[in-house]
Amino acid sequence: MFTEVISAEYIGEYKVSVLFNNGVKKKIDFYTILFLNDYPAFRPLKDIEVFRKFNVTDTLEWDNGNIDIAPETMYDMGEIEPVSKSKIEHLM
């Protein structure tokens, strides 16, 4: 099964709560990937207003799809959050 993002919600600073297609919900802090690793492709996301304007496809995208982060990478970065089964069924 491929890892895909089902839904995502900005929760503050550089953190996003992401629900994946396997039913796991994770809180992901993008600070390290944006500021400590300083990848050139992600530099526009250092502006918090730009960062907050993501779209959910099967991953998170910014700038009309010009910037994205692989869902597998986000899955590995995140901390598990509890999620109710009814919420998962509603989103699928």
PDB file of N, CA and C in Angstrom:
ATOM      1  N   MET A   1       0.831  -1.175   0.000  1.00  0.00           N
ATOM      2  CA  MET A   1       0.000   0.000   0.000  1.00  0.00           C
ATOM      3  C   MET A   1       0.883   1.248   0.000  1.00  0.00           C
ATOM      4  N   PHE A   2       0.534   2.207  -0.833  1.00  0.00           N
ATOM      5  CA  PHE A   2       1.259   3.465  -0.894  1.00  0.00           C
ATOM      6  C   PHE A   2       0.830   4.372   0.252  1.00  0.00           C
ATOM      7  N   THR A   3       1.755   5.136   0.776  1.00  0.00           N
ATOM      8  CA  THR A   3       1.439   6.109   1.814  1.00  0.00           C
ATOM      9  C   THR A   3       0.890   7.361   1.152  1.00  0.00           C
ATOM     10  N   GLU A   4      -0.305   7.776   1.596  1.00  0.00           N
ATOM     11  CA  GLU A   4      -0.929   8.987   1.062  1.00  0.00           C
ATOM     12  C   GLU A   4      -1.509   9.806   2.198  1.00  0.00           C
ATOM     13  N   VAL A   5      -1.583  11.105   1.973  1.00  0.00           N
ATOM     14  CA  VAL A   5      -2.205  12.017   2.923  1.00  0.00           C
ATOM     15  C   VAL A   5      -3.693  12.090   2.606  1.00  0.00           C
ATOM     16  N   ILE A   6      -4.526  11.903   3.628  1.00  0.00           N
ATOM     17  CA  ILE A   6      -5.981  11.992   3.475  1.00  0.00           C
ATOM     18  C   ILE A   6      -6.476  13.387   3.840  1.00  0.00           C
ATOM     19  N   SER A   7      -5.932  13.942   4.930  1.00  0.00           N
ATOM     20  CA  SER A   7      -6.307  15.292   5.355  1.00  0.00           C
ATOM     21  C   SER A   7      -5.160  15.871   6.174  1.00  0.00           C
ATOM     22  N   ALA A   8      -5.177  17.193   6.303  1.00  0.00           N
ATOM     23  CA  ALA A   8      -4.137  17.866   7.084  1.00  0.00           C
ATOM     24  C   ALA A   8      -4.697  19.165   7.635  1.00  0.00           C
ATOM     25  N   GLU A   9      -4.193  19.530   8.814  1.00  0.00           N
ATOM     26  CA  GLU A   9      -4.641  20.747   9.479  1.00  0.00           C
ATOM     27  C   GLU A   9      -3.431  21.454  10.084  1.00  0.00           C
ATOM     28  N   TYR A  10      -3.287  22.734   9.761  1.00  0.00           N
ATOM     29  CA  TYR A  10      -2.231  23.545  10.352  1.00  0.00           C
ATOM     30  C   TYR A  10      -2.544  23.722  11.828  1.00  0.00           C
ATOM     31  N   ILE A  11      -1.551  23.469  12.704  1.00  0.00           N
ATOM     32  CA  ILE A  11      -1.816  23.573  14.141  1.00  0.00           C
ATOM     33  C   ILE A  11      -0.944  24.607  14.847  1.00  0.00           C
ATOM     34  N   GLY A  12      -0.062  25.283  14.130  1.00  0.00           N
ATOM     35  CA  GLY A  12       0.739  26.339  14.743  1.00  0.00           C
ATOM     36  C   GLY A  12       2.211  26.195  14.437  1.00  0.00           C
ATOM     37  N   GLU A  13       2.894  27.350  14.458  1.00  0.00           N
ATOM     38  CA  GLU A  13       4.308  27.410  14.125  1.00  0.00           C
ATOM     39  C   GLU A  13       4.539  26.677  12.810  1.00  0.00           C
ATOM     40  N   TYR A  14       5.414  25.706  12.770  1.00  0.00           N
ATOM     41  CA  TYR A  14       5.660  24.926  11.544  1.00  0.00           C
ATOM     42  C   TYR A  14       5.159  23.495  11.725  1.00  0.00           C
ATOM     43  N   LYS A  15       4.029  23.358  12.414  1.00  0.00           N
ATOM     44  CA  LYS A  15       3.466  22.045  12.717  1.00  0.00           C
ATOM     45  C   LYS A  15       2.144  21.838  11.990  1.00  0.00           C
ATOM     46  N   VAL A  16       1.973  20.595  11.514  1.00  0.00           N
ATOM     47  CA  VAL A  16       0.756  20.213  10.806  1.00  0.00           C
ATOM     48  C   VAL A  16       0.323  18.846  11.325  1.00  0.00           C
ATOM     49  N   SER A  17      -0.975  18.690  11.555  1.00  0.00           N
ATOM     50  CA  SER A  17      -1.545  17.399  11.916  1.00  0.00           C
ATOM     51  C   SER A  17      -1.996  16.730  10.618  1.00  0.00           C
ATOM     52  N   VAL A  18      -1.479  15.529  10.356  1.00  0.00           N
ATOM     53  CA  VAL A  18      -1.728  14.847   9.086  1.00  0.00           C
ATOM     54  C   VAL A  18      -2.339  13.473   9.332  1.00  0.00           C
ATOM     55  N   LEU A  19      -3.422  13.177   8.611  1.00  0.00           N
ATOM     56  CA  LEU A  19      -4.039  11.858   8.640  1.00  0.00           C
ATOM     57  C   LEU A  19      -3.637  11.129   7.364  1.00  0.00           C
ATOM     58  N   PHE A  20      -3.070   9.931   7.542  1.00  0.00           N
ATOM     59  CA  PHE A  20      -2.609   9.124   6.413  1.00  0.00           C
ATOM     60  C   PHE A  20      -3.635   8.047   6.059  1.00  0.00           C
ATOM     61  N   ASN A  21      -3.493   7.489   4.874  1.00  0.00           N
ATOM     62  CA  ASN A  21      -4.461   6.511   4.376  1.00  0.00           C
ATOM     63  C   ASN A  21      -4.455   5.185   5.127  1.00  0.00           C
ATOM     64  N   ASN A  22      -3.510   4.970   6.000  1.00  0.00           N
ATOM     65  CA  ASN A  22      -3.519   3.754   6.822  1.00  0.00           C
ATOM     66  C   ASN A  22      -4.223   3.989   8.158  1.00  0.00           C
ATOM     67  N   GLY A  23      -4.818   5.185   8.330  1.00  0.00           N
ATOM     68  CA  GLY A  23      -5.548   5.514   9.540  1.00  0.00           C
ATOM     69  C   GLY A  23      -4.709   6.130  10.635  1.00  0.00           C
ATOM     70  N   VAL A  24      -3.418   6.281  10.422  1.00  0.00           N
ATOM     71  CA  VAL A  24      -2.522   6.865  11.422  1.00  0.00           C
ATOM     72  C   VAL A  24      -2.524   8.382  11.260  1.00  0.00           C
ATOM     73  N   LYS A  25      -2.679   9.065  12.387  1.00  0.00           N
ATOM     74  CA  LYS A  25      -2.627  10.527  12.407  1.00  0.00           C
ATOM     75  C   LYS A  25      -1.345  10.929  13.115  1.00  0.00           C
ATOM     76  N   LYS A  26      -0.591  11.843  12.494  1.00  0.00           N
ATOM     77  CA  LYS A  26       0.683  12.268  13.077  1.00  0.00           C
ATOM     78  C   LYS A  26       0.800  13.777  13.098  1.00  0.00           C
ATOM     79  N   LYS A  27       1.430  14.269  14.171  1.00  0.00           N
ATOM     80  CA  LYS A  27       1.789  15.681  14.260  1.00  0.00           C
ATOM     81  C   LYS A  27       3.196  15.794  13.701  1.00  0.00           C
ATOM     82  N   ILE A  28       3.347  16.629  12.691  1.00  0.00           N
ATOM     83  CA  ILE A  28       4.639  16.758  12.014  1.00  0.00           C
ATOM     84  C   ILE A  28       5.173  18.171  12.221  1.00  0.00           C
ATOM     85  N   ASP A  29       6.394  18.250  12.716  1.00  0.00           N
ATOM     86  CA  ASP A  29       7.081  19.518  12.907  1.00  0.00           C
ATOM     87  C   ASP A  29       8.086  19.671  11.770  1.00  0.00           C
ATOM     88  N   PHE A  30       7.838  20.641  10.905  1.00  0.00           N
ATOM     89  CA  PHE A  30       8.673  20.855   9.730  1.00  0.00           C
ATOM     90  C   PHE A  30       9.863  21.769   9.998  1.00  0.00           C
ATOM     91  N   TYR A  31      10.037  22.215  11.239  1.00  0.00           N
ATOM     92  CA  TYR A  31      11.108  23.158  11.566  1.00  0.00           C
ATOM     93  C   TYR A  31      12.481  22.632  11.138  1.00  0.00           C
ATOM     94  N   THR A  32      12.783  21.404  11.480  1.00  0.00           N
ATOM     95  CA  THR A  32      14.110  20.854  11.172  1.00  0.00           C
ATOM     96  C   THR A  32      14.370  20.817   9.681  1.00  0.00           C
ATOM     97  N   ILE A  33      13.414  20.314   8.923  1.00  0.00           N
ATOM     98  CA  ILE A  33      13.624  20.193   7.478  1.00  0.00           C
ATOM     99  C   ILE A  33      13.727  21.569   6.811  1.00  0.00           C
ATOM    100  N   LEU A  34      13.071  22.579   7.392  1.00  0.00           N
ATOM    101  CA  LEU A  34      13.100  23.924   6.797  1.00  0.00           C
ATOM    102  C   LEU A  34      14.294  24.756   7.245  1.00  0.00           C
ATOM    103  N   PHE A  35      14.632  24.662   8.503  1.00  0.00           N
ATOM    104  CA  PHE A  35      15.649  25.572   9.038  1.00  0.00           C
ATOM    105  C   PHE A  35      17.003  24.924   9.314  1.00  0.00           C
ATOM    106  N   LEU A  36      17.024  23.731   9.833  1.00  0.00           N
ATOM    107  CA  LEU A  36      18.305  23.104  10.161  1.00  0.00           C
ATOM    108  C   LEU A  36      18.945  22.448   8.946  1.00  0.00           C
ATOM    109  N   ASN A  37      18.136  21.854   8.089  1.00  0.00           N
ATOM    110  CA  ASN A  37      18.685  21.220   6.886  1.00  0.00           C
ATOM    111  C   ASN A  37      18.867  22.214   5.749  1.00  0.00           C
ATOM    112  N   ASP A  38      18.054  23.268   5.701  1.00  0.00           N
ATOM    113  CA  ASP A  38      18.151  24.359   4.724  1.00  0.00           C
ATOM    114  C   ASP A  38      18.221  23.868   3.279  1.00  0.00           C
ATOM    115  N   TYR A  39      17.282  23.013   2.895  1.00  0.00           N
ATOM    116  CA  TYR A  39      17.199  22.593   1.498  1.00  0.00           C
ATOM    117  C   TYR A  39      16.711  23.761   0.646  1.00  0.00           C
ATOM    118  N   PRO A  40      17.415  24.097  -0.435  1.00  0.00           N
ATOM    119  CA  PRO A  40      17.023  25.249  -1.259  1.00  0.00           C
ATOM    120  C   PRO A  40      15.573  25.195  -1.752  1.00  0.00           C
ATOM    121  N   ALA A  41      15.079  24.030  -2.100  1.00  0.00           N
ATOM    122  CA  ALA A  41      13.709  23.914  -2.625  1.00  0.00           C
ATOM    123  C   ALA A  41      12.662  24.321  -1.591  1.00  0.00           C
ATOM    124  N   PHE A  42      12.994  24.189  -0.302  1.00  0.00           N
ATOM    125  CA  PHE A  42      12.028  24.488   0.751  1.00  0.00           C
ATOM    126  C   PHE A  42      12.174  25.886   1.335  1.00  0.00           C
ATOM    127  N   ARG A  43      13.124  26.676   0.867  1.00  0.00           N
ATOM    128  CA  ARG A  43      13.365  28.010   1.440  1.00  0.00           C
ATOM    129  C   ARG A  43      12.130  28.904   1.432  1.00  0.00           C
ATOM    130  N   PRO A  44      11.284  28.889   0.383  1.00  0.00           N
ATOM    131  CA  PRO A  44      10.078  29.736   0.432  1.00  0.00           C
ATOM    132  C   PRO A  44       9.160  29.405   1.609  1.00  0.00           C
ATOM    133  N   LEU A  45       9.209  28.170   2.100  1.00  0.00           N
ATOM    134  CA  LEU A  45       8.330  27.745   3.190  1.00  0.00           C
ATOM    135  C   LEU A  45       8.766  28.288   4.547  1.00  0.00           C
ATOM    136  N   LYS A  46       9.926  28.913   4.616  1.00  0.00           N
ATOM    137  CA  LYS A  46      10.368  29.536   5.864  1.00  0.00           C
ATOM    138  C   LYS A  46       9.474  30.723   6.222  1.00  0.00           C
ATOM    139  N   ASP A  47       8.840  31.315   5.218  1.00  0.00           N
ATOM    140  CA  ASP A  47       7.844  32.359   5.450  1.00  0.00           C
ATOM    141  C   ASP A  47       6.584  31.664   5.953  1.00  0.00           C
ATOM    142  N   ILE A  48       6.223  31.907   7.202  1.00  0.00           N
ATOM    143  CA  ILE A  48       5.112  31.188   7.831  1.00  0.00           C
ATOM    144  C   ILE A  48       3.807  31.366   7.060  1.00  0.00           C
ATOM    145  N   GLU A  49       3.608  32.518   6.438  1.00  0.00           N
ATOM    146  CA  GLU A  49       2.380  32.734   5.656  1.00  0.00           C
ATOM    147  C   GLU A  49       2.351  31.832   4.426  1.00  0.00           C
ATOM    148  N   VAL A  50       3.482  31.609   3.820  1.00  0.00           N
ATOM    149  CA  VAL A  50       3.571  30.682   2.680  1.00  0.00           C
ATOM    150  C   VAL A  50       3.376  29.254   3.183  1.00  0.00           C
ATOM    151  N   PHE A  51       4.037  28.905   4.271  1.00  0.00           N
ATOM    152  CA  PHE A  51       3.941  27.552   4.823  1.00  0.00           C
ATOM    153  C   PHE A  51       2.500  27.169   5.129  1.00  0.00           C
ATOM    154  N   ARG A  52       1.744  28.096   5.699  1.00  0.00           N
ATOM    155  CA  ARG A  52       0.357  27.817   6.106  1.00  0.00           C
ATOM    156  C   ARG A  52      -0.575  27.558   4.931  1.00  0.00           C
ATOM    157  N   LYS A  53      -0.184  27.924   3.727  1.00  0.00           N
ATOM    158  CA  LYS A  53      -1.065  27.824   2.559  1.00  0.00           C
ATOM    159  C   LYS A  53      -0.790  26.564   1.744  1.00  0.00           C
ATOM    160  N   PHE A  54      -0.865  25.415   2.391  1.00  0.00           N
ATOM    161  CA  PHE A  54      -0.651  24.153   1.680  1.00  0.00           C
ATOM    162  C   PHE A  54      -1.973  23.608   1.166  1.00  0.00           C
ATOM    163  N   ASN A  55      -1.874  22.741   0.180  1.00  0.00           N
ATOM    164  CA  ASN A  55      -3.018  21.999  -0.347  1.00  0.00           C
ATOM    165  C   ASN A  55      -2.763  20.520  -0.106  1.00  0.00           C
ATOM    166  N   VAL A  56      -3.841  19.792   0.116  1.00  0.00           N
ATOM    167  CA  VAL A  56      -3.750  18.349   0.280  1.00  0.00           C
ATOM    168  C   VAL A  56      -4.112  17.694  -1.047  1.00  0.00           C
ATOM    169  N   THR A  57      -3.197  16.912  -1.568  1.00  0.00           N
ATOM    170  CA  THR A  57      -3.486  16.051  -2.720  1.00  0.00           C
ATOM    171  C   THR A  57      -3.329  14.643  -2.150  1.00  0.00           C
ATOM    172  N   ASP A  58      -2.348  13.904  -2.587  1.00  0.00           N
ATOM    173  CA  ASP A  58      -1.987  12.663  -1.892  1.00  0.00           C
ATOM    174  C   ASP A  58      -0.804  12.929  -0.965  1.00  0.00           C
ATOM    175  N   THR A  59      -0.387  14.183  -0.928  1.00  0.00           N
ATOM    176  CA  THR A  59       0.676  14.678  -0.064  1.00  0.00           C
ATOM    177  C   THR A  59       0.324  16.112   0.306  1.00  0.00           C
ATOM    178  N   LEU A  60       1.275  16.884   0.817  1.00  0.00           N
ATOM    179  CA  LEU A  60       1.085  18.314   1.017  1.00  0.00           C
ATOM    180  C   LEU A  60       1.847  19.034  -0.069  1.00  0.00           C
ATOM    181  N   GLU A  61       1.186  20.030  -0.663  1.00  0.00           N
ATOM    182  CA  GLU A  61       1.803  20.805  -1.735  1.00  0.00           C
ATOM    183  C   GLU A  61       1.690  22.286  -1.420  1.00  0.00           C
ATOM    184  N   TRP A  62       2.688  23.023  -1.872  1.00  0.00           N
ATOM    185  CA  TRP A  62       2.689  24.469  -1.767  1.00  0.00           C
ATOM    186  C   TRP A  62       2.987  25.041  -3.146  1.00  0.00           C
ATOM    187  N   ASP A  63       2.655  26.313  -3.322  1.00  0.00           N
ATOM    188  CA  ASP A  63       2.978  27.031  -4.560  1.00  0.00           C
ATOM    189  C   ASP A  63       2.464  26.276  -5.787  1.00  0.00           C
ATOM    190  N   ASN A  64       1.175  25.957  -5.769  1.00  0.00           N
ATOM    191  CA  ASN A  64       0.518  25.271  -6.898  1.00  0.00           C
ATOM    192  C   ASN A  64       1.233  23.992  -7.317  1.00  0.00           C
ATOM    193  N   GLY A  65       1.747  23.255  -6.356  1.00  0.00           N
ATOM    194  CA  GLY A  65       2.391  21.982  -6.648  1.00  0.00           C
ATOM    195  C   GLY A  65       3.864  22.064  -6.978  1.00  0.00           C
ATOM    196  N   ASN A  66       4.434  23.270  -6.958  1.00  0.00           N
ATOM    197  CA  ASN A  66       5.866  23.407  -7.246  1.00  0.00           C
ATOM    198  C   ASN A  66       6.735  22.920  -6.091  1.00  0.00           C
ATOM    199  N   ILE A  67       6.170  22.897  -4.886  1.00  0.00           N
ATOM    200  CA  ILE A  67       6.892  22.402  -3.712  1.00  0.00           C
ATOM    201  C   ILE A  67       6.030  21.330  -3.058  1.00  0.00           C
ATOM    202  N   ASP A  68       6.619  20.185  -2.784  1.00  0.00           N
ATOM    203  CA  ASP A  68       5.917  19.150  -2.024  1.00  0.00           C
ATOM    204  C   ASP A  68       6.932  18.324  -1.244  1.00  0.00           C
ATOM    205  N   ILE A  69       6.405  17.571  -0.306  1.00  0.00           N
ATOM    206  CA  ILE A  69       7.236  16.687   0.498  1.00  0.00           C
ATOM    207  C   ILE A  69       6.617  15.307   0.420  1.00  0.00           C
ATOM    208  N   ALA A  70       7.420  14.315   0.134  1.00  0.00           N
ATOM    209  CA  ALA A  70       6.914  12.950  -0.016  1.00  0.00           C
ATOM    210  C   ALA A  70       6.156  12.526   1.229  1.00  0.00           C
ATOM    211  N   PRO A  71       4.991  11.894   1.059  1.00  0.00           N
ATOM    212  CA  PRO A  71       4.230  11.461   2.224  1.00  0.00           C
ATOM    213  C   PRO A  71       4.992  10.476   3.103  1.00  0.00           C
ATOM    214  N   GLU A  72       5.848   9.662   2.515  1.00  0.00           N
ATOM    215  CA  GLU A  72       6.655   8.713   3.298  1.00  0.00           C
ATOM    216  C   GLU A  72       7.619   9.455   4.218  1.00  0.00           C
ATOM    217  N   THR A  73       8.176  10.552   3.731  1.00  0.00           N
ATOM    218  CA  THR A  73       9.076  11.375   4.541  1.00  0.00           C
ATOM    219  C   THR A  73       8.322  11.979   5.715  1.00  0.00           C
ATOM    220  N   MET A  74       7.132  12.532   5.436  1.00  0.00           N
ATOM    221  CA  MET A  74       6.330  13.111   6.511  1.00  0.00           C
ATOM    222  C   MET A  74       5.930  12.050   7.528  1.00  0.00           C
ATOM    223  N   TYR A  75       5.579  10.876   7.045  1.00  0.00           N
ATOM    224  CA  TYR A  75       5.176   9.789   7.943  1.00  0.00           C
ATOM    225  C   TYR A  75       6.309   9.448   8.906  1.00  0.00           C
ATOM    226  N   ASP A  76       7.521   9.383   8.383  1.00  0.00           N
ATOM    227  CA  ASP A  76       8.683   9.060   9.214  1.00  0.00           C
ATOM    228  C   ASP A  76       9.014  10.180  10.205  1.00  0.00           C
ATOM    229  N   MET A  77       8.701  11.422   9.850  1.00  0.00           N
ATOM    230  CA  MET A  77       9.013  12.572  10.695  1.00  0.00           C
ATOM    231  C   MET A  77       8.035  12.743  11.855  1.00  0.00           C
ATOM    232  N   GLY A  78       6.817  12.268  11.702  1.00  0.00           N
ATOM    233  CA  GLY A  78       5.745  12.620  12.615  1.00  0.00           C
ATOM    234  C   GLY A  78       5.683  11.839  13.905  1.00  0.00           C
ATOM    235  N   GLU A  79       4.976  12.428  14.866  1.00  0.00           N
ATOM    236  CA  GLU A  79       4.661  11.793  16.145  1.00  0.00           C
ATOM    237  C   GLU A  79       3.202  11.379  16.103  1.00  0.00           C
ATOM    238  N   ILE A  80       2.902  10.146  16.471  1.00  0.00           N
ATOM    239  CA  ILE A  80       1.539   9.621  16.395  1.00  0.00           C
ATOM    240  C   ILE A  80       0.600  10.390  17.324  1.00  0.00           C
ATOM    241  N   GLU A  81      -0.586  10.703  16.783  1.00  0.00           N
ATOM    242  CA  GLU A  81      -1.667  11.328  17.534  1.00  0.00           C
ATOM    243  C   GLU A  81      -2.843  10.357  17.558  1.00  0.00           C
ATOM    244  N   PRO A  82      -3.654  10.390  18.601  1.00  0.00           N
ATOM    245  CA  PRO A  82      -4.841   9.534  18.603  1.00  0.00           C
ATOM    246  C   PRO A  82      -5.864  10.040  17.594  1.00  0.00           C
ATOM    247  N   VAL A  83      -6.610   9.112  16.985  1.00  0.00           N
ATOM    248  CA  VAL A  83      -7.678   9.473  16.043  1.00  0.00           C
ATOM    249  C   VAL A  83      -8.806   8.464  16.214  1.00  0.00           C
ATOM    250  N   SER A  84     -10.024   8.959  16.130  1.00  0.00           N
ATOM    251  CA  SER A  84     -11.163   8.056  16.290  1.00  0.00           C
ATOM    252  C   SER A  84     -11.464   7.341  14.981  1.00  0.00           C
ATOM    253  N   LYS A  85     -11.937   6.109  15.078  1.00  0.00           N
ATOM    254  CA  LYS A  85     -12.263   5.312  13.898  1.00  0.00           C
ATOM    255  C   LYS A  85     -13.365   5.967  13.078  1.00  0.00           C
ATOM    256  N   SER A  86     -14.335   6.597  13.725  1.00  0.00           N
ATOM    257  CA  SER A  86     -15.425   7.239  12.997  1.00  0.00           C
ATOM    258  C   SER A  86     -14.919   8.392  12.143  1.00  0.00           C
ATOM    259  N   LYS A  87     -13.928   9.121  12.614  1.00  0.00           N
ATOM    260  CA  LYS A  87     -13.350  10.222  11.831  1.00  0.00           C
ATOM    261  C   LYS A  87     -12.651   9.677  10.598  1.00  0.00           C
ATOM    262  N   ILE A  88     -11.929   8.575  10.717  1.00  0.00           N
ATOM    263  CA  ILE A  88     -11.257   7.962   9.586  1.00  0.00           C
ATOM    264  C   ILE A  88     -12.273   7.512   8.548  1.00  0.00           C
ATOM    265  N   GLU A  89     -13.326   6.827   8.992  1.00  0.00           N
ATOM    266  CA  GLU A  89     -14.335   6.342   8.057  1.00  0.00           C
ATOM    267  C   GLU A  89     -15.026   7.505   7.353  1.00  0.00           C
ATOM    268  N   HIS A  90     -15.249   8.602   8.035  1.00  0.00           N
ATOM    269  CA  HIS A  90     -15.881   9.785   7.442  1.00  0.00           C
ATOM    270  C   HIS A  90     -15.018  10.372   6.334  1.00  0.00           C
ATOM    271  N   LEU A  91     -13.705  10.369   6.506  1.00  0.00           N
ATOM    272  CA  LEU A  91     -12.796  10.994   5.541  1.00  0.00           C
ATOM    273  C   LEU A  91     -12.514  10.114   4.337  1.00  0.00           C
ATOM    274  N   MET A  92     -12.735   8.824   4.427  1.00  0.00           N
ATOM    275  CA  MET A  92     -12.390   7.917   3.334  1.00  0.00           C
ATOM    276  C   MET A  92     -13.521   7.742   2.389  1.00  0.00           C
TER     277      MET A  92
END
